[in-house]
Amino acid sequence: MDRTLYFTLLLIALCSVSECVQRQYHFINEMKNWTEAQRYCREKYTDLATVDNMNVMNELNKSVNDRSVQFVWIGLQRTSCDEWQWSSGEPVLYLNWATGQPEGRDDCGMMLKGEWHDLPCNSPCRFICNNNKLILIKENLTWSEALRYCRQNHVDLVSVHSEEIQRRVMNVVKGASTAAVWLGLHNYCVMNMWLWVSGETVCYHNWAPGNGTTENCSLENRKGAVQSGGDQRWISLPESHKLNFICSRY
């Protein structure tokens, strides 16, 4: 098989796998209305649960460790335009409404035995949170030093697999003291491609023009950073630059 075709097929396969690796979910066995649940999740974790596909729906169901619980808040809310969106602001692209739902009367969404129902937002329910916290470290380190710091103190340098995570990164880097901030993105010279430190391929892209292209591996190794100002795109920089960086903590 042609070498280029082989690596293209491999990349597609890896992208399909990496899409399944997004969030962890936490069932909160406390009774709160939807707004109180949202506030709790944003303070303790990241947000009320977002559901992208059936695999995530199954993970959500498994996170409810008390099988006597029926009604559970997730991050569904109706907008003023009579459309549904997630608490994170994302549109609802994957749907799992129960038959006859939503009924059109209520403005918040909950899960009952894996299916979605609308419910009055002031109803007390248990709920599920997403967890994908990002932490800006305002120390100026090389990429390798930043990687070591994140792995010793948190989990890893951040990997950006989706537009949702990119939006969180954009919010975090506003407080940076350097013009760019390290991500967990590195050029893998052997295959002449960019990878995340988690080992996953770069399926979602947000490169600034002229960046993320073929790199000259005979020169200094290049790593990926995100601009802290402007349109906050990704850029390729020599790994010896000293920048702030973002760690992930799950």
C-alpha atoms as a PDB file:
ATOM      1  CA  MET A   1       0.000   0.000   0.000  1.00  0.00           C
ATOM      2  CA  ASP A   2       1.200   3.516  -0.792  1.00  0.00           C
ATOM      3  CA  ARG A   3       2.878   4.990   2.327  1.00  0.00           C
ATOM      4  CA  THR A   4       0.899   8.251   2.178  1.00  0.00           C
ATOM      5  CA  LEU A   5      -2.410   6.396   1.827  1.00  0.00           C
ATOM      6  CA  TYR A   6      -1.483   4.107   4.727  1.00  0.00           C
ATOM      7  CA  PHE A   7      -0.825   7.003   7.097  1.00  0.00           C
ATOM      8  CA  THR A   8      -3.979   8.798   5.925  1.00  0.00           C
ATOM      9  CA  LEU A   9      -6.094   5.745   6.776  1.00  0.00           C
ATOM     10  CA  LEU A  10      -4.291   5.372  10.092  1.00  0.00           C
ATOM     11  CA  LEU A  11      -4.980   9.024  10.923  1.00  0.00           C
ATOM     12  CA  ILE A  12      -8.694   8.632  10.168  1.00  0.00           C
ATOM     13  CA  ALA A  13      -8.875   5.557  12.400  1.00  0.00           C
ATOM     14  CA  LEU A  14      -7.076   7.298  15.257  1.00  0.00           C
ATOM     15  CA  CYS A  15      -9.319  10.354  14.954  1.00  0.00           C
ATOM     16  CA  SER A  16     -12.382   8.153  15.278  1.00  0.00           C
ATOM     17  CA  VAL A  17     -10.999   6.655  18.482  1.00  0.00           C
ATOM     18  CA  SER A  18      -9.940   9.970  20.014  1.00  0.00           C
ATOM     19  CA  GLU A  19     -13.434  11.434  19.633  1.00  0.00           C
ATOM     20  CA  CYS A  20     -14.572   9.066  22.389  1.00  0.00           C
ATOM     21  CA  VAL A  21     -12.115  10.519  24.894  1.00  0.00           C
ATOM     22  CA  GLN A  22     -13.659  13.734  26.155  1.00  0.00           C
ATOM     23  CA  ARG A  23     -14.951  14.078  29.697  1.00  0.00           C
ATOM     24  CA  GLN A  24     -15.480  12.327  32.970  1.00  0.00           C
ATOM     25  CA  TYR A  25     -18.847  12.520  34.710  1.00  0.00           C
ATOM     26  CA  HIS A  26     -19.731  12.821  38.379  1.00  0.00           C
ATOM     27  CA  PHE A  27     -23.146  11.972  39.804  1.00  0.00           C
ATOM     28  CA  ILE A  28     -24.049  14.383  42.617  1.00  0.00           C
ATOM     29  CA  ASN A  29     -26.454  12.840  45.106  1.00  0.00           C
ATOM     30  CA  GLU A  30     -27.868  16.169  46.310  1.00  0.00           C
ATOM     31  CA  MET A  31     -31.251  17.729  45.530  1.00  0.00           C
ATOM     32  CA  LYS A  32     -30.981  21.090  43.739  1.00  0.00           C
ATOM     33  CA  ASN A  33     -32.950  23.011  41.145  1.00  0.00           C
ATOM     34  CA  TRP A  34     -31.357  23.338  37.692  1.00  0.00           C
ATOM     35  CA  THR A  35     -29.714  26.730  38.328  1.00  0.00           C
ATOM     36  CA  GLU A  36     -28.315  25.605  41.687  1.00  0.00           C
ATOM     37  CA  ALA A  37     -27.000  22.412  40.061  1.00  0.00           C
ATOM     38  CA  GLN A  38     -25.337  24.437  37.294  1.00  0.00           C
ATOM     39  CA  ARG A  39     -23.673  26.713  39.859  1.00  0.00           C
ATOM     40  CA  TYR A  40     -22.462  23.710  41.878  1.00  0.00           C
ATOM     41  CA  CYS A  41     -20.942  22.005  38.799  1.00  0.00           C
ATOM     42  CA  ARG A  42     -19.193  25.171  37.659  1.00  0.00           C
ATOM     43  CA  GLU A  43     -17.690  25.732  41.109  1.00  0.00           C
ATOM     44  CA  LYS A  44     -16.649  22.139  41.845  1.00  0.00           C
ATOM     45  CA  TYR A  45     -16.062  20.712  38.361  1.00  0.00           C
ATOM     46  CA  THR A  46     -16.593  22.254  34.916  1.00  0.00           C
ATOM     47  CA  ASP A  47     -20.325  22.385  34.112  1.00  0.00           C
ATOM     48  CA  LEU A  48     -23.553  20.394  34.047  1.00  0.00           C
ATOM     49  CA  ALA A  49     -23.218  17.330  31.834  1.00  0.00           C
ATOM     50  CA  THR A  50     -23.046  17.700  28.047  1.00  0.00           C
ATOM     51  CA  VAL A  51     -23.938  14.720  25.825  1.00  0.00           C
ATOM     52  CA  ASP A  52     -22.395  14.462  22.330  1.00  0.00           C
ATOM     53  CA  ASN A  53     -23.261  10.913  21.256  1.00  0.00           C
ATOM     54  CA  MET A  54     -24.598   7.524  22.358  1.00  0.00           C
ATOM     55  CA  ASN A  55     -21.239   6.462  23.837  1.00  0.00           C
ATOM     56  CA  VAL A  56     -21.304   9.517  26.099  1.00  0.00           C
ATOM     57  CA  MET A  57     -24.957   8.781  26.931  1.00  0.00           C
ATOM     58  CA  ASN A  58     -23.916   5.321  28.129  1.00  0.00           C
ATOM     59  CA  GLU A  59     -21.149   6.828  30.275  1.00  0.00           C
ATOM     60  CA  LEU A  60     -23.690   9.220  31.759  1.00  0.00           C
ATOM     61  CA  ASN A  61     -25.980   6.340  32.705  1.00  0.00           C
ATOM     62  CA  LYS A  62     -23.101   4.425  34.308  1.00  0.00           C
ATOM     63  CA  SER A  63     -22.156   7.478  36.414  1.00  0.00           C
ATOM     64  CA  VAL A  64     -25.475   7.266  38.308  1.00  0.00           C
ATOM     65  CA  ASN A  65     -24.411   4.845  41.031  1.00  0.00           C
ATOM     66  CA  ASP A  66     -27.732   4.933  42.906  1.00  0.00           C
ATOM     67  CA  ARG A  67     -30.177   2.872  40.841  1.00  0.00           C
ATOM     68  CA  SER A  68     -33.153   4.101  42.890  1.00  0.00           C
ATOM     69  CA  VAL A  69     -32.629   7.579  41.391  1.00  0.00           C
ATOM     70  CA  GLN A  70     -34.895   8.345  38.442  1.00  0.00           C
ATOM     71  CA  PHE A  71     -34.773  12.062  37.602  1.00  0.00           C
ATOM     72  CA  VAL A  72     -31.308  13.562  37.031  1.00  0.00           C
ATOM     73  CA  TRP A  73     -30.502  17.062  35.758  1.00  0.00           C
ATOM     74  CA  ILE A  74     -28.163  17.367  32.761  1.00  0.00           C
ATOM     75  CA  GLY A  75     -27.017  20.579  31.070  1.00  0.00           C
ATOM     76  CA  LEU A  76     -30.002  21.013  28.727  1.00  0.00           C
ATOM     77  CA  GLN A  77     -31.745  24.392  28.721  1.00  0.00           C
ATOM     78  CA  ARG A  78     -34.192  26.142  26.409  1.00  0.00           C
ATOM     79  CA  THR A  79     -33.051  29.504  25.017  1.00  0.00           C
ATOM     80  CA  SER A  80     -35.161  32.632  24.530  1.00  0.00           C
ATOM     81  CA  CYS A  81     -35.386  31.661  20.832  1.00  0.00           C
ATOM     82  CA  ASP A  82     -37.185  28.435  21.841  1.00  0.00           C
ATOM     83  CA  GLU A  83     -34.168  26.301  20.960  1.00  0.00           C
ATOM     84  CA  TRP A  84     -32.269  23.876  23.189  1.00  0.00           C
ATOM     85  CA  GLN A  85     -28.598  24.281  24.047  1.00  0.00           C
ATOM     86  CA  TRP A  86     -26.128  22.929  26.590  1.00  0.00           C
ATOM     87  CA  SER A  87     -25.111  24.814  29.714  1.00  0.00           C
ATOM     88  CA  SER A  88     -21.684  25.305  28.090  1.00  0.00           C
ATOM     89  CA  GLY A  89     -23.363  27.266  25.256  1.00  0.00           C
ATOM     90  CA  GLU A  90     -22.971  24.506  22.673  1.00  0.00           C
ATOM     91  CA  PRO A  91     -25.873  23.650  20.354  1.00  0.00           C
ATOM     92  CA  VAL A  92     -27.633  20.324  20.918  1.00  0.00           C
ATOM     93  CA  LEU A  93     -26.505  18.206  17.945  1.00  0.00           C
ATOM     94  CA  TYR A  94     -27.139  14.752  19.412  1.00  0.00           C
ATOM     95  CA  LEU A  95     -30.749  14.124  20.524  1.00  0.00           C
ATOM     96  CA  ASN A  96     -32.138  11.495  22.890  1.00  0.00           C
ATOM     97  CA  TRP A  97     -35.602  12.804  23.780  1.00  0.00           C
ATOM     98  CA  ALA A  98     -38.209  10.358  25.059  1.00  0.00           C
ATOM     99  CA  THR A  99     -41.307   9.873  22.901  1.00  0.00           C
ATOM    100  CA  GLY A 100     -43.472  13.004  23.022  1.00  0.00           C
ATOM    101  CA  GLN A 101     -40.670  15.109  24.536  1.00  0.00           C
ATOM    102  CA  PRO A 102     -39.988  17.965  24.882  1.00  0.00           C
ATOM    103  CA  GLU A 103     -43.582  18.919  25.583  1.00  0.00           C
ATOM    104  CA  GLY A 104     -42.893  22.614  25.095  1.00  0.00           C
ATOM    105  CA  ARG A 105     -43.896  23.832  28.549  1.00  0.00           C
ATOM    106  CA  ASP A 106     -40.702  23.607  30.552  1.00  0.00           C
ATOM    107  CA  ASP A 107     -37.246  25.077  30.028  1.00  0.00           C
ATOM    108  CA  CYS A 108     -34.736  22.644  31.570  1.00  0.00           C
ATOM    109  CA  GLY A 109     -33.757  19.113  30.628  1.00  0.00           C
ATOM    110  CA  MET A 110     -33.306  16.011  32.752  1.00  0.00           C
ATOM    111  CA  MET A 111     -32.558  12.338  32.164  1.00  0.00           C
ATOM    112  CA  LEU A 112     -34.919   9.507  33.062  1.00  0.00           C
ATOM    113  CA  LYS A 113     -33.644   5.952  32.393  1.00  0.00           C
ATOM    114  CA  GLY A 114     -31.341   7.244  29.671  1.00  0.00           C
ATOM    115  CA  GLU A 115     -33.953   9.372  27.886  1.00  0.00           C
ATOM    116  CA  TRP A 116     -34.450  13.129  28.059  1.00  0.00           C
ATOM    117  CA  HIS A 117     -37.496  14.974  29.397  1.00  0.00           C
ATOM    118  CA  ASP A 118     -38.208  18.648  29.958  1.00  0.00           C
ATOM    119  CA  LEU A 119     -39.017  19.694  33.513  1.00  0.00           C
ATOM    120  CA  PRO A 120     -39.652  22.975  35.385  1.00  0.00           C
ATOM    121  CA  CYS A 121     -36.257  24.467  36.216  1.00  0.00           C
ATOM    122  CA  ASN A 122     -37.185  25.003  39.878  1.00  0.00           C
ATOM    123  CA  SER A 123     -37.800  21.274  40.457  1.00  0.00           C
ATOM    124  CA  PRO A 124     -35.368  19.649  42.931  1.00  0.00           C
ATOM    125  CA  CYS A 125     -33.337  16.836  41.327  1.00  0.00           C
ATOM    126  CA  ARG A 126     -30.004  15.119  41.657  1.00  0.00           C
ATOM    127  CA  PHE A 127     -27.620  15.915  38.800  1.00  0.00           C
ATOM    128  CA  ILE A 128     -24.496  15.028  36.806  1.00  0.00           C
ATOM    129  CA  CYS A 129     -21.435  17.256  36.297  1.00  0.00           C
ATOM    130  CA  ASN A 130     -18.744  17.249  33.599  1.00  0.00           C
ATOM    131  CA  ASN A 131     -15.185  17.429  34.809  1.00  0.00           C
ATOM    132  CA  ASN A 132     -12.422  18.783  32.613  1.00  0.00           C
ATOM    133  CA  LYS A 133     -10.675  21.546  34.534  1.00  0.00           C
ATOM    134  CA  LEU A 134      -7.933  23.597  32.938  1.00  0.00           C
ATOM    135  CA  ILE A 135      -5.338  25.386  35.019  1.00  0.00           C
ATOM    136  CA  LEU A 136      -3.171  28.256  33.757  1.00  0.00           C
ATOM    137  CA  ILE A 137       0.330  28.124  35.251  1.00  0.00           C
ATOM    138  CA  LYS A 138       1.956  31.563  35.180  1.00  0.00           C
ATOM    139  CA  GLU A 139       5.511  30.280  35.212  1.00  0.00           C
ATOM    140  CA  ASN A 140       7.740  30.739  32.177  1.00  0.00           C
ATOM    141  CA  LEU A 141       9.049  27.289  31.279  1.00  0.00           C
ATOM    142  CA  THR A 142      10.228  25.502  28.155  1.00  0.00           C
ATOM    143  CA  TRP A 143       7.780  23.035  26.638  1.00  0.00           C
ATOM    144  CA  SER A 144       9.566  20.023  28.184  1.00  0.00           C
ATOM    145  CA  GLU A 145       9.687  21.714  31.604  1.00  0.00           C
ATOM    146  CA  ALA A 146       5.977  22.557  31.331  1.00  0.00           C
ATOM    147  CA  LEU A 147       5.162  18.953  30.425  1.00  0.00           C
ATOM    148  CA  ARG A 148       7.099  17.687  33.446  1.00  0.00           C
ATOM    149  CA  TYR A 149       5.395  20.203  35.749  1.00  0.00           C
ATOM    150  CA  CYS A 150       1.880  19.216  34.629  1.00  0.00           C
ATOM    151  CA  ARG A 151       2.558  15.501  34.980  1.00  0.00           C
ATOM    152  CA  GLN A 152       4.067  15.915  38.432  1.00  0.00           C
ATOM    153  CA  ASN A 153       1.435  18.298  39.815  1.00  0.00           C
ATOM    154  CA  HIS A 154      -1.752  17.681  37.815  1.00  0.00           C
ATOM    155  CA  VAL A 155      -2.388  15.320  34.874  1.00  0.00           C
ATOM    156  CA  ASP A 156      -0.823  16.585  31.651  1.00  0.00           C
ATOM    157  CA  LEU A 157      -0.363  19.523  29.328  1.00  0.00           C
ATOM    158  CA  VAL A 158      -3.796  20.233  27.879  1.00  0.00           C
ATOM    159  CA  SER A 159      -5.001  18.450  24.737  1.00  0.00           C
ATOM    160  CA  VAL A 160      -7.637  20.297  22.696  1.00  0.00           C
ATOM    161  CA  HIS A 161      -9.896  17.756  20.992  1.00  0.00           C
ATOM    162  CA  SER A 162     -12.916  19.922  20.274  1.00  0.00           C
ATOM    163  CA  GLU A 163     -14.278  23.428  19.853  1.00  0.00           C
ATOM    164  CA  GLU A 164     -15.722  23.178  23.366  1.00  0.00           C
ATOM    165  CA  ILE A 165     -12.286  22.625  24.930  1.00  0.00           C
ATOM    166  CA  GLN A 166     -10.829  25.363  22.706  1.00  0.00           C
ATOM    167  CA  ARG A 167     -13.390  27.823  24.133  1.00  0.00           C
ATOM    168  CA  ARG A 168     -12.309  26.882  27.666  1.00  0.00           C
ATOM    169  CA  VAL A 169      -8.676  27.339  26.689  1.00  0.00           C
ATOM    170  CA  MET A 170      -9.490  30.771  25.231  1.00  0.00           C
ATOM    171  CA  ASN A 171     -11.067  31.824  28.534  1.00  0.00           C
ATOM    172  CA  VAL A 172      -8.137  30.545  30.576  1.00  0.00           C
ATOM    173  CA  VAL A 173      -5.343  32.156  28.513  1.00  0.00           C
ATOM    174  CA  LYS A 174      -6.783  35.647  28.942  1.00  0.00           C
ATOM    175  CA  GLY A 175      -4.934  35.785  32.243  1.00  0.00           C
ATOM    176  CA  ALA A 176      -1.547  34.765  30.786  1.00  0.00           C
ATOM    177  CA  SER A 177       1.558  36.923  31.188  1.00  0.00           C
ATOM    178  CA  THR A 178       3.138  35.693  27.921  1.00  0.00           C
ATOM    179  CA  ALA A 179       1.982  36.325  24.343  1.00  0.00           C
ATOM    180  CA  ALA A 180       1.487  32.581  23.821  1.00  0.00           C
ATOM    181  CA  VAL A 181       0.818  29.634  26.128  1.00  0.00           C
ATOM    182  CA  TRP A 182       2.064  26.060  25.722  1.00  0.00           C
ATOM    183  CA  LEU A 183      -0.379  23.291  24.789  1.00  0.00           C
ATOM    184  CA  GLY A 184       0.311  19.543  24.847  1.00  0.00           C
ATOM    185  CA  LEU A 185       0.985  19.627  21.108  1.00  0.00           C
ATOM    186  CA  HIS A 186       4.201  18.423  19.494  1.00  0.00           C
ATOM    187  CA  ASN A 187       5.506  17.659  16.019  1.00  0.00           C
ATOM    188  CA  TYR A 188       6.249  13.959  15.521  1.00  0.00           C
ATOM    189  CA  CYS A 189       9.050  14.131  12.981  1.00  0.00           C
ATOM    190  CA  VAL A 190       9.167  10.416  12.101  1.00  0.00           C
ATOM    191  CA  MET A 191       5.680  10.622  10.565  1.00  0.00           C
ATOM    192  CA  ASN A 192       5.835  14.371   9.892  1.00  0.00           C
ATOM    193  CA  MET A 193       2.589  15.012  11.786  1.00  0.00           C
ATOM    194  CA  TRP A 194       1.323  16.775  14.912  1.00  0.00           C
ATOM    195  CA  LEU A 195       0.203  14.772  17.947  1.00  0.00           C
ATOM    196  CA  TRP A 196      -1.073  15.483  21.448  1.00  0.00           C
ATOM    197  CA  VAL A 197       1.032  14.331  24.397  1.00  0.00           C
ATOM    198  CA  SER A 198      -1.836  12.000  25.284  1.00  0.00           C
ATOM    199  CA  GLY A 199      -0.884  10.067  22.119  1.00  0.00           C
ATOM    200  CA  GLU A 200      -3.981  11.143  20.227  1.00  0.00           C
ATOM    201  CA  THR A 201      -3.914  12.624  16.755  1.00  0.00           C
ATOM    202  CA  VAL A 202      -4.933  16.202  15.996  1.00  0.00           C
ATOM    203  CA  CYS A 203      -8.450  15.809  14.593  1.00  0.00           C
ATOM    204  CA  TYR A 204      -9.782  19.231  15.613  1.00  0.00           C
ATOM    205  CA  HIS A 205      -7.608  22.093  14.267  1.00  0.00           C
ATOM    206  CA  ASN A 206      -7.304  25.762  15.190  1.00  0.00           C
ATOM    207  CA  TRP A 207      -3.985  26.742  13.584  1.00  0.00           C
ATOM    208  CA  ALA A 208      -3.132  30.340  12.728  1.00  0.00           C
ATOM    209  CA  PRO A 209      -2.305  30.816   9.017  1.00  0.00           C
ATOM    210  CA  GLY A 210       1.168  29.498   8.164  1.00  0.00           C
ATOM    211  CA  ASN A 211       1.355  27.272  11.256  1.00  0.00           C
ATOM    212  CA  GLY A 212       0.863  23.541  11.701  1.00  0.00           C
ATOM    213  CA  THR A 213       2.419  22.733   8.358  1.00  0.00           C
ATOM    214  CA  THR A 214       5.385  20.513   7.536  1.00  0.00           C
ATOM    215  CA  GLU A 215       8.238  21.243   9.946  1.00  0.00           C
ATOM    216  CA  ASN A 216      11.986  21.115   9.264  1.00  0.00           C
ATOM    217  CA  CYS A 217      13.109  18.500  11.786  1.00  0.00           C
ATOM    218  CA  SER A 218      16.786  19.213  11.143  1.00  0.00           C
ATOM    219  CA  LEU A 219      16.287  22.431  13.117  1.00  0.00           C
ATOM    220  CA  GLU A 220      15.040  22.755  16.688  1.00  0.00           C
ATOM    221  CA  ASN A 221      11.972  20.697  17.561  1.00  0.00           C
ATOM    222  CA  ARG A 222       8.684  22.586  17.302  1.00  0.00           C
ATOM    223  CA  LYS A 223       5.833  22.525  19.789  1.00  0.00           C
ATOM    224  CA  GLY A 224       2.321  23.927  19.781  1.00  0.00           C
ATOM    225  CA  ALA A 225       1.114  26.970  21.710  1.00  0.00           C
ATOM    226  CA  VAL A 226      -2.041  29.087  21.732  1.00  0.00           C
ATOM    227  CA  GLN A 227      -1.964  32.864  21.375  1.00  0.00           C
ATOM    228  CA  SER A 228      -3.133  34.609  24.553  1.00  0.00           C
ATOM    229  CA  GLY A 229      -4.456  37.610  22.607  1.00  0.00           C
ATOM    230  CA  GLY A 230      -6.080  38.323  19.256  1.00  0.00           C
ATOM    231  CA  ASP A 231      -8.078  35.433  17.834  1.00  0.00           C
ATOM    232  CA  GLN A 232      -6.211  32.954  20.089  1.00  0.00           C
ATOM    233  CA  ARG A 233      -5.146  30.525  17.362  1.00  0.00           C
ATOM    234  CA  TRP A 234      -2.494  27.821  17.668  1.00  0.00           C
ATOM    235  CA  ILE A 235       1.076  28.569  16.623  1.00  0.00           C
ATOM    236  CA  SER A 236       4.253  26.525  16.181  1.00  0.00           C
ATOM    237  CA  LEU A 237       7.262  27.614  18.271  1.00  0.00           C
ATOM    238  CA  PRO A 238      10.730  26.263  19.126  1.00  0.00           C
ATOM    239  CA  GLU A 239      10.448  24.137  22.277  1.00  0.00           C
ATOM    240  CA  SER A 240      13.128  26.225  24.050  1.00  0.00           C
ATOM    241  CA  HIS A 241      10.838  29.277  24.297  1.00  0.00           C
ATOM    242  CA  LYS A 242       9.737  29.967  27.866  1.00  0.00           C
ATOM    243  CA  LEU A 243       5.993  30.475  28.188  1.00  0.00           C
ATOM    244  CA  ASN A 244       3.075  30.134  30.558  1.00  0.00           C
ATOM    245  CA  PHE A 245       1.209  26.832  30.047  1.00  0.00           C
ATOM    246  CA  ILE A 246      -2.088  25.055  30.695  1.00  0.00           C
ATOM    247  CA  CYS A 247      -2.399  21.830  32.662  1.00  0.00           C
ATOM    248  CA  SER A 248      -5.461  19.593  32.636  1.00  0.00           C
ATOM    249  CA  ARG A 249      -6.893  18.131  35.830  1.00  0.00           C
ATOM    250  CA  TYR A 250      -9.601  15.503  35.543  1.00  0.00           C
END
